[in-house]
N, C-alpha and C. Protein backbone atom coordinates (compact mmCIF):
# COMPACT_ATOMS: atom_id res chain seq x y z
N VAL A 1 -137.06 4.49 11.37
CA VAL A 1 -137.14 4.27 12.81
C VAL A 1 -135.83 3.69 13.33
N ARG A 2 -135.22 2.75 12.59
CA ARG A 2 -133.97 2.13 13.04
C ARG A 2 -132.84 3.14 13.07
N SER A 3 -132.80 4.03 12.12
CA SER A 3 -131.75 5.04 12.06
C SER A 3 -131.85 5.97 13.27
N ALA A 4 -133.05 6.34 13.65
CA ALA A 4 -133.24 7.22 14.80
C ALA A 4 -132.84 6.51 16.09
N GLU A 5 -133.17 5.22 16.18
CA GLU A 5 -132.82 4.44 17.36
C GLU A 5 -131.30 4.27 17.46
N LEU A 6 -130.64 4.01 16.33
CA LEU A 6 -129.19 3.87 16.29
C LEU A 6 -128.52 5.19 16.70
N ASN A 7 -129.03 6.29 16.17
CA ASN A 7 -128.48 7.60 16.54
C ASN A 7 -128.63 7.85 18.04
N TRP A 8 -129.75 7.44 18.61
CA TRP A 8 -129.98 7.61 20.05
C TRP A 8 -128.93 6.84 20.85
N TRP A 9 -128.62 5.61 20.46
CA TRP A 9 -127.61 4.80 21.16
C TRP A 9 -126.21 5.42 21.02
N ILE A 10 -125.93 5.94 19.87
CA ILE A 10 -124.63 6.60 19.66
C ILE A 10 -124.51 7.81 20.57
N VAL A 11 -125.58 8.58 20.69
CA VAL A 11 -125.57 9.75 21.57
C VAL A 11 -125.35 9.32 23.02
N LEU A 12 -126.02 8.27 23.48
CA LEU A 12 -125.85 7.77 24.85
C LEU A 12 -124.41 7.31 25.11
N ILE A 13 -123.84 6.59 24.14
CA ILE A 13 -122.47 6.12 24.28
C ILE A 13 -121.50 7.31 24.34
N MET A 14 -121.70 8.29 23.53
CA MET A 14 -120.84 9.48 23.53
C MET A 14 -120.94 10.22 24.86
N ILE A 15 -122.14 10.31 25.41
CA ILE A 15 -122.33 10.98 26.71
C ILE A 15 -121.57 10.23 27.79
N LYS A 16 -121.67 8.90 27.79
CA LYS A 16 -120.97 8.10 28.80
C LYS A 16 -119.46 8.23 28.65
N LEU A 17 -118.96 8.21 27.42
CA LEU A 17 -117.52 8.37 27.20
C LEU A 17 -117.03 9.74 27.66
N CYS A 18 -117.79 10.76 27.38
CA CYS A 18 -117.42 12.11 27.84
C CYS A 18 -117.42 12.19 29.36
N THR A 19 -118.38 11.55 30.00
CA THR A 19 -118.44 11.54 31.46
C THR A 19 -117.20 10.85 32.03
N VAL A 20 -116.83 9.71 31.47
CA VAL A 20 -115.64 8.99 31.92
C VAL A 20 -114.40 9.84 31.73
N LEU A 21 -114.28 10.50 30.61
CA LEU A 21 -113.13 11.35 30.32
C LEU A 21 -113.05 12.51 31.32
N ILE A 22 -114.16 13.14 31.59
CA ILE A 22 -114.17 14.27 32.54
C ILE A 22 -113.79 13.80 33.94
N VAL A 23 -114.34 12.68 34.38
CA VAL A 23 -114.02 12.15 35.71
C VAL A 23 -112.53 11.79 35.78
N THR A 24 -112.00 11.16 34.74
CA THR A 24 -110.59 10.78 34.71
C THR A 24 -109.70 12.01 34.78
N LEU A 25 -109.98 13.02 34.02
CA LEU A 25 -109.20 14.25 34.05
C LEU A 25 -109.29 14.91 35.41
N HIS A 26 -110.47 14.94 35.96
CA HIS A 26 -110.65 15.55 37.28
C HIS A 26 -109.82 14.82 38.33
N CYS A 27 -109.86 13.50 38.33
CA CYS A 27 -109.10 12.71 39.31
C CYS A 27 -107.59 12.86 39.12
N SER A 28 -107.15 13.04 37.89
CA SER A 28 -105.70 13.15 37.63
C SER A 28 -105.10 14.38 38.30
N PHE A 29 -105.89 15.39 38.57
CA PHE A 29 -105.38 16.58 39.25
C PHE A 29 -105.11 16.32 40.72
N TYR A 30 -105.66 15.25 41.27
CA TYR A 30 -105.49 14.95 42.69
C TYR A 30 -104.41 13.92 42.95
N ILE A 31 -103.77 13.43 41.91
CA ILE A 31 -102.67 12.49 42.10
C ILE A 31 -101.46 13.28 42.54
N GLN A 32 -100.90 12.92 43.69
CA GLN A 32 -99.73 13.63 44.21
C GLN A 32 -98.53 13.35 43.32
N SER A 33 -97.62 14.32 43.28
CA SER A 33 -96.42 14.12 42.48
C SER A 33 -95.62 12.93 42.99
N SER A 34 -95.71 12.62 44.28
CA SER A 34 -94.98 11.49 44.83
C SER A 34 -95.50 10.17 44.26
N ALA A 35 -96.73 10.14 43.84
CA ALA A 35 -97.30 8.92 43.29
C ALA A 35 -96.97 8.75 41.81
N GLN A 36 -96.27 9.72 41.24
CA GLN A 36 -95.97 9.66 39.82
C GLN A 36 -94.53 9.27 39.54
N GLY A 37 -93.75 8.94 40.56
CA GLY A 37 -92.39 8.48 40.33
C GLY A 37 -91.36 9.59 40.29
N TYR A 38 -91.67 10.75 40.83
CA TYR A 38 -90.73 11.86 40.84
C TYR A 38 -90.30 12.15 42.27
N VAL A 39 -89.05 12.57 42.42
CA VAL A 39 -88.59 13.01 43.72
C VAL A 39 -89.28 14.33 44.02
N TYR A 40 -89.88 14.42 45.16
CA TYR A 40 -90.64 15.59 45.55
C TYR A 40 -89.98 16.19 46.79
N PRO A 41 -90.28 17.42 47.12
CA PRO A 41 -89.68 18.04 48.31
C PRO A 41 -89.92 17.17 49.54
N GLY A 42 -88.86 16.93 50.29
CA GLY A 42 -88.97 16.08 51.48
C GLY A 42 -88.75 14.62 51.18
N SER A 43 -88.16 14.32 50.01
CA SER A 43 -87.88 12.93 49.66
C SER A 43 -86.50 12.84 49.01
N HIS A 44 -86.02 11.60 48.88
CA HIS A 44 -84.69 11.38 48.30
C HIS A 44 -84.73 10.16 47.39
N TRP A 45 -84.00 10.26 46.29
CA TRP A 45 -83.84 9.16 45.35
C TRP A 45 -82.63 8.34 45.77
N VAL A 46 -82.76 7.03 45.77
CA VAL A 46 -81.68 6.14 46.19
C VAL A 46 -80.41 6.40 45.39
N GLY A 47 -80.55 6.67 44.10
CA GLY A 47 -79.40 6.81 43.21
C GLY A 47 -78.46 7.94 43.53
N ASN A 48 -78.91 8.96 44.24
CA ASN A 48 -77.99 10.06 44.54
C ASN A 48 -77.94 10.38 46.03
N THR A 49 -78.23 9.39 46.87
CA THR A 49 -78.19 9.58 48.32
C THR A 49 -77.38 8.44 48.95
N PRO A 50 -76.06 8.63 49.10
CA PRO A 50 -75.21 7.57 49.65
C PRO A 50 -75.65 7.07 51.03
N VAL A 51 -76.11 7.96 51.88
CA VAL A 51 -76.56 7.53 53.21
C VAL A 51 -77.75 6.59 53.08
N LEU A 52 -78.68 6.92 52.21
CA LEU A 52 -79.84 6.05 51.99
C LEU A 52 -79.41 4.71 51.42
N GLN A 53 -78.48 4.71 50.49
CA GLN A 53 -77.97 3.46 49.93
C GLN A 53 -77.40 2.57 51.03
N PHE A 54 -76.62 3.17 51.92
CA PHE A 54 -76.01 2.44 53.03
C PHE A 54 -77.08 1.90 53.98
N LEU A 55 -78.04 2.74 54.34
CA LEU A 55 -79.09 2.32 55.25
C LEU A 55 -79.91 1.17 54.68
N LEU A 56 -80.16 1.20 53.38
CA LEU A 56 -80.88 0.10 52.73
C LEU A 56 -80.03 -1.16 52.73
N LYS A 57 -78.77 -1.02 52.36
CA LYS A 57 -77.84 -2.16 52.29
C LYS A 57 -77.75 -2.86 53.65
N CYS A 58 -77.74 -2.08 54.71
CA CYS A 58 -77.58 -2.62 56.06
C CYS A 58 -78.89 -3.02 56.73
N GLY A 59 -80.00 -2.79 56.05
CA GLY A 59 -81.29 -3.17 56.60
C GLY A 59 -81.83 -2.20 57.64
N LEU A 60 -81.30 -0.99 57.68
CA LEU A 60 -81.77 0.01 58.65
C LEU A 60 -82.96 0.80 58.11
N VAL A 61 -83.18 0.73 56.83
CA VAL A 61 -84.39 1.25 56.18
C VAL A 61 -84.95 0.11 55.36
N LYS A 62 -86.23 -0.14 55.51
CA LYS A 62 -86.86 -1.24 54.78
C LYS A 62 -86.96 -0.89 53.30
N GLN A 63 -86.49 -1.81 52.47
CA GLN A 63 -86.52 -1.60 51.02
C GLN A 63 -87.94 -1.80 50.50
N LYS A 64 -88.38 -0.88 49.66
CA LYS A 64 -89.70 -0.99 49.04
C LYS A 64 -89.63 -2.00 47.90
N MET A 65 -90.62 -2.85 47.82
CA MET A 65 -90.67 -3.85 46.76
C MET A 65 -92.08 -3.95 46.21
N ASN A 66 -92.63 -2.81 45.85
CA ASN A 66 -94.01 -2.76 45.37
C ASN A 66 -94.11 -2.82 43.85
N ARG A 67 -92.97 -2.79 43.20
CA ARG A 67 -92.90 -2.74 41.73
C ARG A 67 -93.56 -1.48 41.18
N LEU A 68 -93.39 -0.38 41.93
CA LEU A 68 -93.91 0.90 41.50
C LEU A 68 -92.75 1.81 41.13
N SER A 69 -93.04 2.85 40.39
CA SER A 69 -91.99 3.78 39.99
C SER A 69 -91.45 4.57 41.18
N THR A 70 -92.13 4.52 42.30
CA THR A 70 -91.67 5.25 43.49
C THR A 70 -90.87 4.38 44.45
N ASP A 71 -90.57 3.15 44.07
CA ASP A 71 -89.85 2.26 44.97
C ASP A 71 -88.45 2.73 45.30
N ASP A 72 -87.88 3.61 44.50
CA ASP A 72 -86.53 4.10 44.78
C ASP A 72 -86.54 5.53 45.32
N ILE A 73 -87.68 5.95 45.81
CA ILE A 73 -87.83 7.28 46.41
C ILE A 73 -88.31 7.10 47.85
N TYR A 74 -87.59 7.72 48.78
CA TYR A 74 -87.89 7.56 50.20
C TYR A 74 -88.08 8.92 50.85
N PRO A 75 -89.06 9.03 51.76
CA PRO A 75 -89.28 10.31 52.46
C PRO A 75 -88.18 10.56 53.49
N ASP A 76 -88.03 11.83 53.84
CA ASP A 76 -87.05 12.22 54.87
C ASP A 76 -87.23 11.41 56.15
N SER A 77 -88.47 11.14 56.50
CA SER A 77 -88.74 10.43 57.77
C SER A 77 -88.12 9.04 57.79
N ASP A 78 -88.12 8.33 56.65
CA ASP A 78 -87.49 7.00 56.59
C ASP A 78 -85.99 7.10 56.81
N ILE A 79 -85.37 8.11 56.19
CA ILE A 79 -83.93 8.29 56.33
C ILE A 79 -83.59 8.69 57.76
N GLU A 80 -84.37 9.57 58.32
CA GLU A 80 -84.14 10.01 59.70
C GLU A 80 -84.23 8.83 60.67
N THR A 81 -85.24 7.99 60.50
CA THR A 81 -85.40 6.81 61.35
C THR A 81 -84.23 5.84 61.18
N GLY A 82 -83.80 5.65 59.94
CA GLY A 82 -82.64 4.78 59.68
C GLY A 82 -81.37 5.30 60.31
N ILE A 83 -81.17 6.59 60.23
CA ILE A 83 -79.98 7.20 60.85
C ILE A 83 -80.05 7.06 62.37
N GLN A 84 -81.23 7.21 62.94
CA GLN A 84 -81.38 7.03 64.39
C GLN A 84 -81.01 5.61 64.80
N LYS A 85 -81.42 4.61 64.01
CA LYS A 85 -81.06 3.22 64.30
C LYS A 85 -79.54 3.03 64.22
N LEU A 86 -78.94 3.64 63.20
CA LEU A 86 -77.48 3.56 63.03
C LEU A 86 -76.78 4.21 64.23
N GLN A 87 -77.24 5.37 64.62
CA GLN A 87 -76.63 6.07 65.76
C GLN A 87 -76.79 5.26 67.05
N GLU A 88 -77.92 4.60 67.19
CA GLU A 88 -78.12 3.76 68.37
C GLU A 88 -77.15 2.57 68.37
N LEU A 89 -76.97 1.94 67.21
CA LEU A 89 -76.05 0.81 67.11
C LEU A 89 -74.62 1.20 67.44
N PHE A 90 -74.22 2.40 67.07
CA PHE A 90 -72.87 2.86 67.31
C PHE A 90 -72.75 3.69 68.58
N GLU A 91 -73.81 3.69 69.38
CA GLU A 91 -73.85 4.41 70.65
C GLU A 91 -73.45 5.87 70.49
N LEU A 92 -74.02 6.50 69.46
CA LEU A 92 -73.81 7.92 69.21
C LEU A 92 -75.02 8.69 69.72
N GLU A 93 -74.89 10.00 69.81
CA GLU A 93 -76.04 10.82 70.16
C GLU A 93 -77.10 10.64 69.07
N ILE A 94 -78.30 10.33 69.48
CA ILE A 94 -79.38 10.04 68.52
C ILE A 94 -80.06 11.34 68.11
N THR A 95 -79.73 11.80 66.91
CA THR A 95 -80.30 13.03 66.37
C THR A 95 -81.14 12.77 65.13
N GLY A 96 -80.83 11.69 64.43
CA GLY A 96 -81.51 11.41 63.16
C GLY A 96 -80.97 12.24 62.01
N GLU A 97 -79.91 13.00 62.28
CA GLU A 97 -79.33 13.88 61.26
C GLU A 97 -78.05 13.28 60.70
N GLU A 98 -77.79 13.58 59.44
CA GLU A 98 -76.58 13.10 58.78
C GLU A 98 -75.42 14.01 59.19
N ASN A 99 -74.81 13.68 60.33
CA ASN A 99 -73.70 14.49 60.83
C ASN A 99 -72.35 13.84 60.46
N PHE A 100 -71.28 14.39 60.99
CA PHE A 100 -69.93 13.93 60.66
C PHE A 100 -69.74 12.45 60.99
N ASP A 101 -70.18 12.03 62.18
CA ASP A 101 -70.02 10.62 62.59
C ASP A 101 -70.76 9.67 61.65
N VAL A 102 -71.95 10.05 61.27
CA VAL A 102 -72.75 9.22 60.34
C VAL A 102 -72.04 9.13 59.00
N LYS A 103 -71.54 10.25 58.51
CA LYS A 103 -70.83 10.25 57.21
C LYS A 103 -69.60 9.36 57.26
N LYS A 104 -68.88 9.36 58.38
CA LYS A 104 -67.68 8.50 58.50
C LYS A 104 -68.07 7.02 58.44
N ILE A 105 -69.16 6.66 59.10
CA ILE A 105 -69.63 5.26 59.08
C ILE A 105 -70.05 4.87 57.67
N VAL A 106 -70.77 5.75 57.00
CA VAL A 106 -71.23 5.49 55.63
C VAL A 106 -70.04 5.35 54.68
N GLU A 107 -69.03 6.19 54.83
CA GLU A 107 -67.85 6.13 53.96
C GLU A 107 -67.12 4.79 54.06
N LYS A 108 -67.14 4.18 55.25
CA LYS A 108 -66.50 2.87 55.42
C LYS A 108 -67.26 1.80 54.65
N ASN A 109 -68.55 2.01 54.45
CA ASN A 109 -69.40 1.13 53.64
C ASN A 109 -69.33 -0.33 54.09
N ASN A 110 -69.30 -0.54 55.40
CA ASN A 110 -69.22 -1.90 55.92
C ASN A 110 -70.25 -2.08 57.03
N CYS A 111 -71.25 -2.82 56.74
CA CYS A 111 -72.28 -3.07 57.75
C CYS A 111 -72.35 -4.54 58.13
N GLY A 112 -71.33 -5.30 57.79
CA GLY A 112 -71.32 -6.73 58.06
C GLY A 112 -71.46 -7.08 59.54
N ALA A 113 -70.87 -6.28 60.41
CA ALA A 113 -70.91 -6.60 61.84
C ALA A 113 -72.25 -6.34 62.49
N PHE A 114 -73.07 -5.50 61.88
CA PHE A 114 -74.34 -5.15 62.52
C PHE A 114 -75.53 -5.24 61.60
N ARG A 115 -75.37 -5.83 60.45
CA ARG A 115 -76.47 -5.90 59.47
C ARG A 115 -77.74 -6.38 60.12
N VAL A 116 -78.81 -5.61 59.95
CA VAL A 116 -80.10 -5.93 60.58
C VAL A 116 -80.89 -6.84 59.68
């Protein structure tokens, strides 16, 4: 009788473990690539985007401090908003685009006079 009861508990535990595994696998398919620490279309990594580096340094884009693998990845919209703030500070046409004037400001790499 004890052996049959023990086998029954083992079967129940195995069913629950399989259920957890199936649910976990199912949910993993819905995790966006952006949540996995990879640069995805429409985003930029700080390490290879000088304009983003400058905008962060000058406080024109808020730095992420969530301690997540995506903290160094920013969507296009954040960069566009930061560039618009920069263009407003320098009284340029506000386009939100990385144009010649924006590149010249970034190349100077000096935001001391207007650091936000």
